Amino acid sequence: MLNIKRFECNMLSENCYVVSDDTRECVIIDCGAYYPEESQAIISYIRDRQLTPRHLLCTHGHFDHCLGNGAIYREFGLKPEAHAEEAFLLEDMERHVSEILGVRLSLDVPPVGRYLSESDVITFGTHCLTILHTPGHTPGGIIFYCEAEQTAFSGDTLFRMSIGRTDFERGSYQQMMTSLRDVVAKLPPETVIYPGHGPQTTIGEELRYNPYFH
């Protein structure tokens, strides 16, 4: 059984997830912690429950999902893992922040640990996450999917009754529609979706009510 703890982070109300199982191994997905109290809350949760982090995962490279990567790297020695097509964001994050927010921030950006592809499998404890490539919001956007638990972490590909924006650098509405039709819609309807912003949902609910599937 997966234990999923959500932390709402930074000025854009981004969702970071700490996902663990009974072995007390865990993964950290989309650590957007910007303020010190946010990163400390995540670290304290892990320490208090005596969890062992195995992976620091990024559904994509936008800064609001990665602002806490430096704190996790300093505390646990984990480097971020993301799809190879996100290198242009992860390796030049200060430029990305200044273009989106119009301000310059001094960021603590650790080196990327490895770039992922769909053939990779993320393992921790007795569970594994497969990688579903869903370009559209960004070219290297991915969903981390746990088939055994019918659970998926969708980043900014899919929200409850909405989808991620496609007007950022190298975004594509056409690719997003293809990802929704050919990848997301084929997940079992009972799959629980944990998105990058907002509340959780299910594939069944989205197929029925989300206007972007119609």
N, C-alpha and C. Protein backbone atom coordinates (compact mmCIF):
# COMPACT_ATOMS: atom_id res chain seq x y z
N MET A 1 0.84 -1.20 0.00
CA MET A 1 0.00 0.00 0.00
C MET A 1 0.87 1.25 0.00
N LEU A 2 0.50 2.24 -0.80
CA LEU A 2 1.24 3.49 -0.86
C LEU A 2 0.70 4.47 0.17
N ASN A 3 1.61 5.17 0.81
CA ASN A 3 1.27 6.29 1.67
C ASN A 3 1.66 7.56 0.94
N ILE A 4 0.69 8.43 0.67
CA ILE A 4 0.92 9.60 -0.16
C ILE A 4 0.64 10.85 0.66
N LYS A 5 1.66 11.66 0.84
CA LYS A 5 1.54 12.91 1.58
C LYS A 5 1.74 14.07 0.62
N ARG A 6 0.78 14.97 0.59
CA ARG A 6 0.85 16.13 -0.31
C ARG A 6 1.28 17.37 0.47
N PHE A 7 2.18 18.14 -0.13
CA PHE A 7 2.60 19.42 0.42
C PHE A 7 2.32 20.50 -0.64
N GLU A 8 1.61 21.53 -0.25
CA GLU A 8 1.35 22.63 -1.18
C GLU A 8 2.47 23.66 -1.05
N CYS A 9 3.09 23.99 -2.16
CA CYS A 9 4.33 24.76 -2.13
C CYS A 9 4.29 26.02 -2.99
N ASN A 10 5.06 26.97 -2.59
CA ASN A 10 5.44 28.19 -3.30
C ASN A 10 4.26 29.08 -3.71
N MET A 11 4.62 30.14 -4.41
CA MET A 11 3.65 31.17 -4.77
C MET A 11 2.61 30.70 -5.79
N LEU A 12 2.83 29.54 -6.40
CA LEU A 12 1.91 29.02 -7.40
C LEU A 12 1.11 27.82 -6.90
N SER A 13 1.13 27.57 -5.60
CA SER A 13 0.34 26.48 -4.99
C SER A 13 0.56 25.15 -5.70
N GLU A 14 1.83 24.81 -5.82
CA GLU A 14 2.22 23.56 -6.49
C GLU A 14 2.17 22.39 -5.51
N ASN A 15 1.81 21.21 -6.01
CA ASN A 15 1.74 20.01 -5.18
C ASN A 15 3.04 19.21 -5.24
N CYS A 16 3.68 19.04 -4.09
CA CYS A 16 4.79 18.11 -3.94
C CYS A 16 4.27 16.89 -3.20
N TYR A 17 4.72 15.70 -3.61
CA TYR A 17 4.26 14.46 -2.99
C TYR A 17 5.45 13.67 -2.45
N VAL A 18 5.30 13.17 -1.23
CA VAL A 18 6.21 12.17 -0.68
C VAL A 18 5.44 10.85 -0.66
N VAL A 19 5.96 9.87 -1.40
CA VAL A 19 5.25 8.62 -1.61
C VAL A 19 6.08 7.49 -1.02
N SER A 20 5.53 6.79 -0.05
CA SER A 20 6.26 5.73 0.65
C SER A 20 5.42 4.47 0.73
N ASP A 21 6.06 3.37 1.15
CA ASP A 21 5.31 2.15 1.41
C ASP A 21 5.75 1.56 2.74
N ASP A 22 5.33 0.35 3.02
CA ASP A 22 5.56 -0.23 4.34
C ASP A 22 7.04 -0.49 4.63
N THR A 23 7.89 -0.47 3.60
CA THR A 23 9.33 -0.65 3.83
C THR A 23 9.99 0.62 4.35
N ARG A 24 9.25 1.73 4.31
CA ARG A 24 9.73 3.07 4.68
C ARG A 24 10.70 3.66 3.66
N GLU A 25 10.80 3.06 2.50
CA GLU A 25 11.47 3.74 1.39
C GLU A 25 10.46 4.68 0.73
N CYS A 26 10.96 5.75 0.15
CA CYS A 26 10.05 6.72 -0.45
C CYS A 26 10.67 7.38 -1.66
N VAL A 27 9.83 8.04 -2.43
CA VAL A 27 10.26 8.95 -3.49
C VAL A 27 9.63 10.31 -3.23
N ILE A 28 10.30 11.34 -3.70
CA ILE A 28 9.80 12.71 -3.60
C ILE A 28 9.50 13.17 -5.02
N ILE A 29 8.28 13.58 -5.28
CA ILE A 29 7.86 13.97 -6.63
C ILE A 29 7.55 15.46 -6.66
N ASP A 30 8.22 16.17 -7.56
CA ASP A 30 7.97 17.60 -7.81
C ASP A 30 8.13 18.44 -6.55
N CYS A 31 9.35 18.52 -6.07
CA CYS A 31 9.60 19.30 -4.85
C CYS A 31 9.71 20.78 -5.19
N GLY A 32 8.58 21.47 -5.10
CA GLY A 32 8.52 22.89 -5.41
C GLY A 32 8.72 23.81 -4.23
N ALA A 33 9.21 23.28 -3.11
CA ALA A 33 9.36 24.09 -1.90
C ALA A 33 10.29 25.27 -2.15
N TYR A 34 9.78 26.48 -1.99
CA TYR A 34 10.58 27.69 -2.16
C TYR A 34 10.93 28.33 -0.83
N TYR A 35 9.95 28.45 0.05
CA TYR A 35 10.18 29.08 1.34
C TYR A 35 10.79 28.06 2.30
N PRO A 36 11.68 28.51 3.19
CA PRO A 36 12.36 27.57 4.10
C PRO A 36 11.41 26.69 4.90
N GLU A 37 10.28 27.25 5.32
CA GLU A 37 9.35 26.45 6.11
C GLU A 37 8.72 25.33 5.29
N GLU A 38 8.66 25.52 3.97
CA GLU A 38 8.11 24.47 3.11
C GLU A 38 9.07 23.30 2.99
N SER A 39 10.32 23.58 2.69
CA SER A 39 11.29 22.50 2.59
C SER A 39 11.49 21.83 3.94
N GLN A 40 11.44 22.60 5.01
CA GLN A 40 11.60 22.01 6.34
C GLN A 40 10.44 21.09 6.68
N ALA A 41 9.23 21.44 6.27
CA ALA A 41 8.07 20.57 6.52
C ALA A 41 8.23 19.23 5.81
N ILE A 42 8.74 19.25 4.59
CA ILE A 42 8.94 18.02 3.83
C ILE A 42 10.04 17.17 4.48
N ILE A 43 11.15 17.81 4.81
CA ILE A 43 12.26 17.09 5.44
C ILE A 43 11.84 16.52 6.79
N SER A 44 11.10 17.31 7.58
CA SER A 44 10.66 16.82 8.89
C SER A 44 9.72 15.64 8.77
N TYR A 45 8.83 15.69 7.79
CA TYR A 45 7.93 14.56 7.56
C TYR A 45 8.72 13.29 7.28
N ILE A 46 9.74 13.40 6.45
CA ILE A 46 10.56 12.23 6.10
C ILE A 46 11.36 11.75 7.31
N ARG A 47 11.97 12.67 8.03
CA ARG A 47 12.77 12.31 9.20
C ARG A 47 11.90 11.73 10.32
N ASP A 48 10.78 12.37 10.59
CA ASP A 48 9.92 11.93 11.70
C ASP A 48 9.39 10.52 11.49
N ARG A 49 9.16 10.15 10.24
CA ARG A 49 8.63 8.82 9.93
C ARG A 49 9.73 7.83 9.57
N GLN A 50 10.96 8.27 9.73
CA GLN A 50 12.14 7.43 9.47
C GLN A 50 12.09 6.82 8.07
N LEU A 51 11.73 7.66 7.11
CA LEU A 51 11.69 7.23 5.71
C LEU A 51 13.07 7.34 5.09
N THR A 52 13.31 6.51 4.09
CA THR A 52 14.57 6.56 3.33
C THR A 52 14.26 6.97 1.90
N PRO A 53 14.58 8.20 1.51
CA PRO A 53 14.30 8.64 0.13
C PRO A 53 15.22 7.96 -0.87
N ARG A 54 14.63 7.46 -1.95
CA ARG A 54 15.39 6.77 -2.99
C ARG A 54 15.50 7.58 -4.29
N HIS A 55 14.51 8.41 -4.56
CA HIS A 55 14.51 9.16 -5.82
C HIS A 55 13.89 10.54 -5.60
N LEU A 56 14.41 11.53 -6.31
CA LEU A 56 13.84 12.87 -6.41
C LEU A 56 13.37 13.03 -7.85
N LEU A 57 12.07 12.99 -8.06
CA LEU A 57 11.50 12.88 -9.40
C LEU A 57 10.83 14.18 -9.82
N CYS A 58 10.92 14.48 -11.11
CA CYS A 58 10.30 15.68 -11.68
C CYS A 58 9.39 15.28 -12.83
N THR A 59 8.11 15.63 -12.74
CA THR A 59 7.23 15.37 -13.87
C THR A 59 7.58 16.25 -15.06
N HIS A 60 8.17 17.42 -14.79
CA HIS A 60 8.67 18.30 -15.83
C HIS A 60 9.58 19.33 -15.17
N GLY A 61 10.16 20.21 -15.99
CA GLY A 61 11.21 21.08 -15.49
C GLY A 61 10.82 22.48 -15.12
N HIS A 62 9.53 22.81 -15.11
CA HIS A 62 9.15 24.17 -14.73
C HIS A 62 9.55 24.46 -13.28
N PHE A 63 9.96 25.70 -13.06
CA PHE A 63 10.59 26.05 -11.78
C PHE A 63 9.69 25.79 -10.58
N ASP A 64 8.37 25.96 -10.72
CA ASP A 64 7.50 25.81 -9.56
C ASP A 64 7.44 24.36 -9.07
N HIS A 65 7.91 23.44 -9.89
CA HIS A 65 7.96 22.03 -9.50
C HIS A 65 9.36 21.60 -9.06
N CYS A 66 10.32 22.52 -9.11
CA CYS A 66 11.72 22.16 -8.86
C CYS A 66 12.43 23.06 -7.86
N LEU A 67 11.74 24.04 -7.31
CA LEU A 67 12.42 25.02 -6.45
C LEU A 67 13.02 24.40 -5.20
N GLY A 68 12.50 23.26 -4.76
CA GLY A 68 13.01 22.62 -3.56
C GLY A 68 14.06 21.55 -3.81
N ASN A 69 14.46 21.37 -5.06
CA ASN A 69 15.42 20.31 -5.36
C ASN A 69 16.75 20.51 -4.63
N GLY A 70 17.16 21.77 -4.49
CA GLY A 70 18.43 22.03 -3.81
C GLY A 70 18.38 21.62 -2.35
N ALA A 71 17.27 21.90 -1.67
CA ALA A 71 17.14 21.53 -0.26
C ALA A 71 17.16 20.02 -0.09
N ILE A 72 16.50 19.30 -0.99
CA ILE A 72 16.49 17.83 -0.91
C ILE A 72 17.88 17.27 -1.21
N TYR A 73 18.57 17.88 -2.16
CA TYR A 73 19.93 17.43 -2.48
C TYR A 73 20.86 17.63 -1.29
N ARG A 74 20.77 18.77 -0.66
CA ARG A 74 21.63 19.04 0.50
C ARG A 74 21.31 18.09 1.66
N GLU A 75 20.05 17.81 1.87
CA GLU A 75 19.66 17.01 3.03
C GLU A 75 19.87 15.52 2.81
N PHE A 76 19.56 15.02 1.62
CA PHE A 76 19.56 13.58 1.38
C PHE A 76 20.52 13.12 0.28
N GLY A 77 21.15 14.06 -0.42
CA GLY A 77 22.09 13.70 -1.47
C GLY A 77 21.45 13.20 -2.75
N LEU A 78 20.16 13.45 -2.92
CA LEU A 78 19.46 13.00 -4.13
C LEU A 78 19.50 14.08 -5.20
N LYS A 79 19.81 13.68 -6.42
CA LYS A 79 19.78 14.60 -7.55
C LYS A 79 18.48 14.38 -8.33
N PRO A 80 17.94 15.43 -8.92
CA PRO A 80 16.67 15.29 -9.63
C PRO A 80 16.77 14.41 -10.86
N GLU A 81 15.67 13.72 -11.15
CA GLU A 81 15.54 12.87 -12.32
C GLU A 81 14.34 13.35 -13.13
N ALA A 82 14.54 13.55 -14.42
CA ALA A 82 13.49 14.07 -15.29
C ALA A 82 13.72 13.56 -16.70
N HIS A 83 12.74 13.75 -17.55
CA HIS A 83 12.85 13.35 -18.95
C HIS A 83 13.94 14.17 -19.65
N ALA A 84 14.62 13.54 -20.58
CA ALA A 84 15.74 14.19 -21.26
C ALA A 84 15.34 15.48 -21.96
N GLU A 85 14.11 15.57 -22.42
CA GLU A 85 13.69 16.77 -23.15
C GLU A 85 13.41 17.96 -22.23
N GLU A 86 13.62 17.77 -20.94
CA GLU A 86 13.47 18.89 -19.99
C GLU A 86 14.80 19.57 -19.67
N ALA A 87 15.88 19.14 -20.31
CA ALA A 87 17.20 19.71 -20.02
C ALA A 87 17.23 21.22 -20.23
N PHE A 88 16.54 21.73 -21.23
CA PHE A 88 16.58 23.16 -21.52
C PHE A 88 15.99 23.99 -20.36
N LEU A 89 15.10 23.38 -19.58
CA LEU A 89 14.54 24.06 -18.41
C LEU A 89 15.39 23.84 -17.17
N LEU A 90 15.77 22.61 -16.92
CA LEU A 90 16.49 22.28 -15.70
C LEU A 90 17.89 22.88 -15.66
N GLU A 91 18.50 23.05 -16.82
CA GLU A 91 19.87 23.54 -16.86
C GLU A 91 19.97 25.05 -17.03
N ASP A 92 18.83 25.73 -17.10
CA ASP A 92 18.83 27.19 -17.21
C ASP A 92 17.61 27.74 -16.47
N MET A 93 17.45 27.33 -15.23
CA MET A 93 16.22 27.63 -14.50
C MET A 93 16.09 29.10 -14.15
N GLU A 94 17.20 29.79 -13.89
CA GLU A 94 17.09 31.21 -13.54
C GLU A 94 16.54 32.01 -14.71
N ARG A 95 16.93 31.67 -15.93
CA ARG A 95 16.36 32.34 -17.11
C ARG A 95 14.87 32.07 -17.20
N HIS A 96 14.50 30.83 -16.97
CA HIS A 96 13.10 30.44 -17.04
C HIS A 96 12.27 31.22 -16.03
N VAL A 97 12.77 31.36 -14.81
CA VAL A 97 12.05 32.11 -13.77
C VAL A 97 11.90 33.57 -14.18
N SER A 98 12.97 34.18 -14.67
CA SER A 98 12.90 35.60 -15.02
C SER A 98 11.93 35.84 -16.17
N GLU A 99 11.81 34.90 -17.11
CA GLU A 99 10.89 35.06 -18.23
C GLU A 99 9.44 34.93 -17.78
N ILE A 100 9.17 34.02 -16.84
CA ILE A 100 7.80 33.79 -16.41
C ILE A 100 7.35 34.81 -15.37
N LEU A 101 8.19 35.07 -14.37
CA LEU A 101 7.81 35.95 -13.26
C LEU A 101 8.24 37.39 -13.45
N GLY A 102 9.19 37.62 -14.35
CA GLY A 102 9.68 38.97 -14.56
C GLY A 102 10.62 39.46 -13.47
N VAL A 103 11.13 38.55 -12.67
CA VAL A 103 12.09 38.89 -11.61
C VAL A 103 13.24 37.90 -11.65
N ARG A 104 14.35 38.31 -11.08
CA ARG A 104 15.50 37.41 -11.00
C ARG A 104 15.58 36.83 -9.59
N LEU A 105 15.66 35.53 -9.50
CA LEU A 105 15.81 34.85 -8.23
C LEU A 105 17.13 34.10 -8.22
N SER A 106 17.80 34.13 -7.09
CA SER A 106 19.01 33.33 -6.93
C SER A 106 18.59 31.94 -6.46
N LEU A 107 18.78 30.94 -7.29
CA LEU A 107 18.24 29.62 -7.03
C LEU A 107 19.34 28.63 -6.68
N ASP A 108 18.98 27.70 -5.83
CA ASP A 108 19.86 26.61 -5.44
C ASP A 108 19.52 25.41 -6.32
N VAL A 109 20.23 25.28 -7.43
CA VAL A 109 19.88 24.26 -8.43
C VAL A 109 20.94 23.17 -8.45
N PRO A 110 20.61 21.95 -8.01
CA PRO A 110 21.59 20.86 -8.03
C PRO A 110 21.75 20.29 -9.43
N PRO A 111 22.83 19.57 -9.68
CA PRO A 111 22.99 18.93 -10.98
C PRO A 111 21.94 17.83 -11.17
N VAL A 112 21.55 17.61 -12.41
CA VAL A 112 20.59 16.54 -12.71
C VAL A 112 21.25 15.18 -12.48
N GLY A 113 20.54 14.30 -11.81
CA GLY A 113 21.08 12.97 -11.54
C GLY A 113 21.06 12.08 -12.77
N ARG A 114 19.93 12.02 -13.43
CA ARG A 114 19.84 11.28 -14.69
C ARG A 114 18.61 11.74 -15.45
N TYR A 115 18.70 11.58 -16.75
CA TYR A 115 17.57 11.87 -17.62
C TYR A 115 16.86 10.57 -17.95
N LEU A 116 15.54 10.62 -17.85
CA LEU A 116 14.71 9.43 -17.96
C LEU A 116 14.11 9.28 -19.35
N SER A 117 13.77 8.04 -19.68
CA SER A 117 12.99 7.75 -20.88
C SER A 117 11.87 6.78 -20.50
N GLU A 118 11.01 6.51 -21.43
CA GLU A 118 9.87 5.63 -21.12
C GLU A 118 10.28 4.21 -20.79
N SER A 119 11.49 3.82 -21.14
CA SER A 119 11.93 2.46 -20.84
C SER A 119 12.42 2.31 -19.40
N ASP A 120 12.60 3.43 -18.70
CA ASP A 120 13.08 3.37 -17.32
C ASP A 120 11.93 3.03 -16.37
N VAL A 121 12.27 2.37 -15.27
CA VAL A 121 11.31 2.07 -14.20
C VAL A 121 11.91 2.57 -12.90
N ILE A 122 11.12 3.30 -12.14
CA ILE A 122 11.55 3.83 -10.84
C ILE A 122 11.14 2.83 -9.76
N THR A 123 12.08 2.35 -8.98
CA THR A 123 11.76 1.38 -7.94
C THR A 123 12.07 1.95 -6.56
N PHE A 124 11.22 1.62 -5.60
CA PHE A 124 11.44 1.94 -4.20
C PHE A 124 10.60 0.97 -3.39
N GLY A 125 11.16 0.50 -2.27
CA GLY A 125 10.44 -0.47 -1.47
C GLY A 125 9.98 -1.65 -2.30
N THR A 126 8.71 -1.97 -2.20
CA THR A 126 8.13 -3.07 -2.98
C THR A 126 7.33 -2.56 -4.17
N HIS A 127 7.51 -1.30 -4.52
CA HIS A 127 6.71 -0.70 -5.59
C HIS A 127 7.59 -0.21 -6.74
N CYS A 128 6.95 -0.01 -7.87
CA CYS A 128 7.64 0.57 -9.01
C CYS A 128 6.72 1.56 -9.71
N LEU A 129 7.34 2.55 -10.33
CA LEU A 129 6.63 3.55 -11.11
C LEU A 129 7.11 3.47 -12.55
N THR A 130 6.19 3.32 -13.47
CA THR A 130 6.54 3.38 -14.88
C THR A 130 6.37 4.82 -15.37
N ILE A 131 6.99 5.10 -16.50
CA ILE A 131 7.06 6.46 -17.02
C ILE A 131 6.22 6.56 -18.29
N LEU A 132 5.26 7.47 -18.27
CA LEU A 132 4.42 7.72 -19.43
C LEU A 132 4.76 9.10 -19.97
N HIS A 133 5.27 9.16 -21.19
CA HIS A 133 5.66 10.42 -21.80
C HIS A 133 4.42 11.13 -22.31
N THR A 134 4.17 12.34 -21.80
CA THR A 134 2.96 13.09 -22.17
C THR A 134 3.33 14.52 -22.56
N PRO A 135 3.98 14.71 -23.70
CA PRO A 135 4.34 16.08 -24.11
C PRO A 135 3.11 16.93 -24.36
N GLY A 136 3.30 18.22 -24.23
CA GLY A 136 2.22 19.17 -24.45
C GLY A 136 2.42 20.40 -23.58
N HIS A 137 2.36 20.22 -22.28
CA HIS A 137 2.68 21.32 -21.36
C HIS A 137 4.15 21.69 -21.52
N THR A 138 4.99 20.69 -21.56
CA THR A 138 6.41 20.82 -21.93
C THR A 138 6.74 19.62 -22.82
N PRO A 139 7.85 19.66 -23.55
CA PRO A 139 8.16 18.54 -24.45
C PRO A 139 8.52 17.25 -23.72
N GLY A 140 9.01 17.36 -22.49
CA GLY A 140 9.40 16.17 -21.76
C GLY A 140 8.53 15.88 -20.55
N GLY A 141 7.30 16.36 -20.58
CA GLY A 141 6.38 16.08 -19.48
C GLY A 141 6.12 14.58 -19.36
N ILE A 142 6.12 14.08 -18.13
CA ILE A 142 5.87 12.66 -17.90
C ILE A 142 4.91 12.47 -16.74
N ILE A 143 4.24 11.33 -16.75
CA ILE A 143 3.40 10.87 -15.66
C ILE A 143 4.09 9.68 -15.03
N PHE A 144 4.15 9.67 -13.70
CA PHE A 144 4.65 8.51 -12.97
C PHE A 144 3.46 7.66 -12.56
N TYR A 145 3.43 6.42 -13.05
CA TYR A 145 2.25 5.57 -12.93
C TYR A 145 2.58 4.30 -12.16
N CYS A 146 1.82 4.06 -11.09
CA CYS A 146 1.95 2.83 -10.32
C CYS A 146 0.76 1.94 -10.64
N GLU A 147 0.97 0.98 -11.53
CA GLU A 147 -0.12 0.13 -11.96
C GLU A 147 -0.68 -0.69 -10.81
N ALA A 148 0.19 -1.19 -9.93
CA ALA A 148 -0.25 -2.06 -8.84
C ALA A 148 -1.23 -1.35 -7.91
N GLU A 149 -1.06 -0.03 -7.76
CA GLU A 149 -1.92 0.74 -6.85
C GLU A 149 -2.93 1.61 -7.59
N GLN A 150 -2.94 1.52 -8.93
CA GLN A 150 -3.85 2.32 -9.75
C GLN A 150 -3.77 3.80 -9.37
N THR A 151 -2.54 4.29 -9.38
CA THR A 151 -2.24 5.65 -8.96
C THR A 151 -1.30 6.29 -9.97
N ALA A 152 -1.53 7.56 -10.28
CA ALA A 152 -0.67 8.27 -11.22
C ALA A 152 -0.44 9.69 -10.74
N PHE A 153 0.79 10.16 -10.95
CA PHE A 153 1.18 11.52 -10.61
C PHE A 153 1.36 12.26 -11.93
N SER A 154 0.44 13.17 -12.21
CA SER A 154 0.29 13.69 -13.58
C SER A 154 0.99 15.00 -13.83
N GLY A 155 1.64 15.59 -12.80
CA GLY A 155 2.28 16.88 -13.04
C GLY A 155 1.28 17.89 -13.58
N ASP A 156 1.67 18.61 -14.62
CA ASP A 156 0.77 19.62 -15.20
C ASP A 156 0.16 19.14 -16.52
N THR A 157 0.16 17.84 -16.75
CA THR A 157 -0.55 17.32 -17.91
C THR A 157 -2.05 17.34 -17.67
N LEU A 158 -2.46 16.83 -16.51
CA LEU A 158 -3.89 16.71 -16.22
C LEU A 158 -4.20 17.23 -14.83
N PHE A 159 -5.20 18.11 -14.75
CA PHE A 159 -5.75 18.59 -13.49
C PHE A 159 -7.20 18.12 -13.37
N ARG A 160 -7.76 18.33 -12.21
CA ARG A 160 -9.19 18.05 -12.06
C ARG A 160 -9.99 19.01 -12.94
N MET A 161 -10.65 18.46 -13.94
CA MET A 161 -11.49 19.17 -14.88
C MET A 161 -10.74 20.18 -15.74
N SER A 162 -9.43 20.02 -15.87
CA SER A 162 -8.66 20.93 -16.70
C SER A 162 -7.35 20.26 -17.12
N ILE A 163 -6.52 21.02 -17.83
CA ILE A 163 -5.20 20.55 -18.24
C ILE A 163 -4.20 21.67 -18.05
N GLY A 164 -2.91 21.35 -18.19
CA GLY A 164 -1.88 22.37 -18.08
C GLY A 164 -1.84 23.29 -19.28
N ARG A 165 -1.30 24.47 -19.08
CA ARG A 165 -1.15 25.43 -20.17
C ARG A 165 -0.20 24.89 -21.24
N THR A 166 -0.42 25.34 -22.46
CA THR A 166 0.45 24.91 -23.56
C THR A 166 1.11 26.10 -24.27
N ASP A 167 1.02 27.28 -23.66
CA ASP A 167 1.56 28.48 -24.31
C ASP A 167 2.92 28.89 -23.77
N PHE A 168 3.53 28.06 -22.93
CA PHE A 168 4.90 28.33 -22.49
C PHE A 168 5.89 27.84 -23.54
N GLU A 169 7.17 28.14 -23.31
CA GLU A 169 8.23 27.76 -24.25
C GLU A 169 8.17 26.27 -24.56
N ARG A 170 8.10 25.97 -25.86
CA ARG A 170 8.09 24.60 -26.40
C ARG A 170 6.87 23.79 -25.96
N GLY A 171 5.84 24.48 -25.50
CA GLY A 171 4.56 23.80 -25.27
C GLY A 171 3.82 23.61 -26.58
N SER A 172 2.86 22.69 -26.59
CA SER A 172 2.12 22.41 -27.83
C SER A 172 0.73 21.89 -27.49
N TYR A 173 -0.28 22.64 -27.90
CA TYR A 173 -1.66 22.19 -27.68
C TYR A 173 -1.93 20.91 -28.45
N GLN A 174 -1.42 20.81 -29.67
CA GLN A 174 -1.63 19.60 -30.47
C GLN A 174 -1.02 18.39 -29.78
N GLN A 175 0.21 18.53 -29.28
CA GLN A 175 0.83 17.42 -28.56
C GLN A 175 0.06 17.07 -27.29
N MET A 176 -0.46 18.08 -26.61
CA MET A 176 -1.24 17.83 -25.40
C MET A 176 -2.48 17.00 -25.72
N MET A 177 -3.18 17.35 -26.77
CA MET A 177 -4.37 16.60 -27.15
C MET A 177 -4.03 15.16 -27.51
N THR A 178 -2.90 14.96 -28.17
CA THR A 178 -2.45 13.61 -28.50
C THR A 178 -2.11 12.83 -27.24
N SER A 179 -1.44 13.47 -26.30
CA SER A 179 -1.10 12.80 -25.04
C SER A 179 -2.35 12.39 -24.27
N LEU A 180 -3.34 13.28 -24.23
CA LEU A 180 -4.58 12.96 -23.52
C LEU A 180 -5.29 11.79 -24.18
N ARG A 181 -5.35 11.80 -25.50
CA ARG A 181 -6.09 10.76 -26.23
C ARG A 181 -5.36 9.42 -26.22
N ASP A 182 -4.05 9.45 -26.46
CA ASP A 182 -3.31 8.20 -26.69
C ASP A 182 -2.67 7.62 -25.45
N VAL A 183 -2.52 8.42 -24.41
CA VAL A 183 -1.84 7.94 -23.19
C VAL A 183 -2.78 8.01 -21.98
N VAL A 184 -3.22 9.22 -21.65
CA VAL A 184 -3.99 9.41 -20.42
C VAL A 184 -5.32 8.67 -20.47
N ALA A 185 -6.04 8.79 -21.57
CA ALA A 185 -7.37 8.19 -21.67
C ALA A 185 -7.34 6.67 -21.65
N LYS A 186 -6.18 6.08 -21.86
CA LYS A 186 -6.07 4.62 -21.87
C LYS A 186 -5.77 4.03 -20.50
N LEU A 187 -5.55 4.90 -19.50
CA LEU A 187 -5.39 4.39 -18.14
C LEU A 187 -6.72 3.88 -17.62
N PRO A 188 -6.71 2.90 -16.71
CA PRO A 188 -7.96 2.39 -16.17
C PRO A 188 -8.77 3.51 -15.52
N PRO A 189 -10.09 3.49 -15.66
CA PRO A 189 -10.91 4.59 -15.14
C PRO A 189 -10.82 4.77 -13.63
N GLU A 190 -10.47 3.71 -12.91
CA GLU A 190 -10.37 3.83 -11.45
C GLU A 190 -9.04 4.42 -11.00
N THR A 191 -8.13 4.70 -11.93
CA THR A 191 -6.84 5.28 -11.58
C THR A 191 -7.01 6.62 -10.88
N VAL A 192 -6.39 6.76 -9.71
CA VAL A 192 -6.43 8.03 -8.98
C VAL A 192 -5.31 8.93 -9.48
N ILE A 193 -5.66 10.14 -9.83
CA ILE A 193 -4.71 11.11 -10.37
C ILE A 193 -4.34 12.11 -9.28
N TYR A 194 -3.02 12.24 -9.05
CA TYR A 194 -2.49 13.26 -8.15
C TYR A 194 -1.80 14.31 -9.01
N PRO A 195 -2.44 15.46 -9.22
CA PRO A 195 -1.92 16.45 -10.18
C PRO A 195 -0.92 17.40 -9.57
N GLY A 196 -0.30 18.19 -10.43
CA GLY A 196 0.70 19.15 -9.99
C GLY A 196 0.12 20.37 -9.29
N HIS A 197 -1.16 20.62 -9.48
CA HIS A 197 -1.87 21.71 -8.80
C HIS A 197 -3.30 21.25 -8.55
N GLY A 198 -3.86 21.65 -7.43
CA GLY A 198 -5.27 21.37 -7.17
C GLY A 198 -5.52 19.99 -6.60
N PRO A 199 -6.82 19.63 -6.47
CA PRO A 199 -7.19 18.38 -5.80
C PRO A 199 -7.03 17.16 -6.69
N GLN A 200 -7.01 16.01 -6.06
CA GLN A 200 -6.92 14.75 -6.80
C GLN A 200 -8.22 14.45 -7.52
N THR A 201 -8.14 13.53 -8.47
CA THR A 201 -9.31 13.15 -9.24
C THR A 201 -9.11 11.71 -9.70
N THR A 202 -9.94 11.24 -10.60
CA THR A 202 -9.77 9.91 -11.19
C THR A 202 -9.88 10.02 -12.71
N ILE A 203 -9.31 9.05 -13.38
CA ILE A 203 -9.42 9.01 -14.84
C ILE A 203 -10.88 8.94 -15.27
N GLY A 204 -11.67 8.11 -14.58
CA GLY A 204 -13.08 7.98 -14.92
C GLY A 204 -13.82 9.31 -14.86
N GLU A 205 -13.59 10.08 -13.79
CA GLU A 205 -14.23 11.39 -13.67
C GLU A 205 -13.81 12.32 -14.79
N GLU A 206 -12.53 12.29 -15.12
CA GLU A 206 -12.03 13.20 -16.16
C GLU A 206 -12.57 12.82 -17.53
N LEU A 207 -12.62 11.54 -17.81
CA LEU A 207 -13.16 11.12 -19.11
C LEU A 207 -14.62 11.51 -19.25
N ARG A 208 -15.32 11.55 -18.15
CA ARG A 208 -16.73 11.85 -18.19
C ARG A 208 -17.02 13.36 -18.22
N TYR A 209 -16.23 14.13 -17.45
CA TYR A 209 -16.60 15.53 -17.25
C TYR A 209 -15.59 16.55 -17.76
N ASN A 210 -14.34 16.17 -17.93
CA ASN A 210 -13.33 17.14 -18.35
C ASN A 210 -13.57 17.52 -19.81
N PRO A 211 -13.78 18.81 -20.10
CA PRO A 211 -14.13 19.20 -21.48
C PRO A 211 -13.03 18.90 -22.49
N TYR A 212 -11.78 18.74 -22.04
CA TYR A 212 -10.70 18.50 -22.99
C TYR A 212 -10.67 17.06 -23.51
N PHE A 213 -11.52 16.20 -22.96
CA PHE A 213 -11.64 14.85 -23.48
C PHE A 213 -12.84 14.72 -24.42
N HIS A 214 -13.50 15.84 -24.72
CA HIS A 214 -14.72 15.78 -25.55
C HIS A 214 -14.62 16.68 -26.76
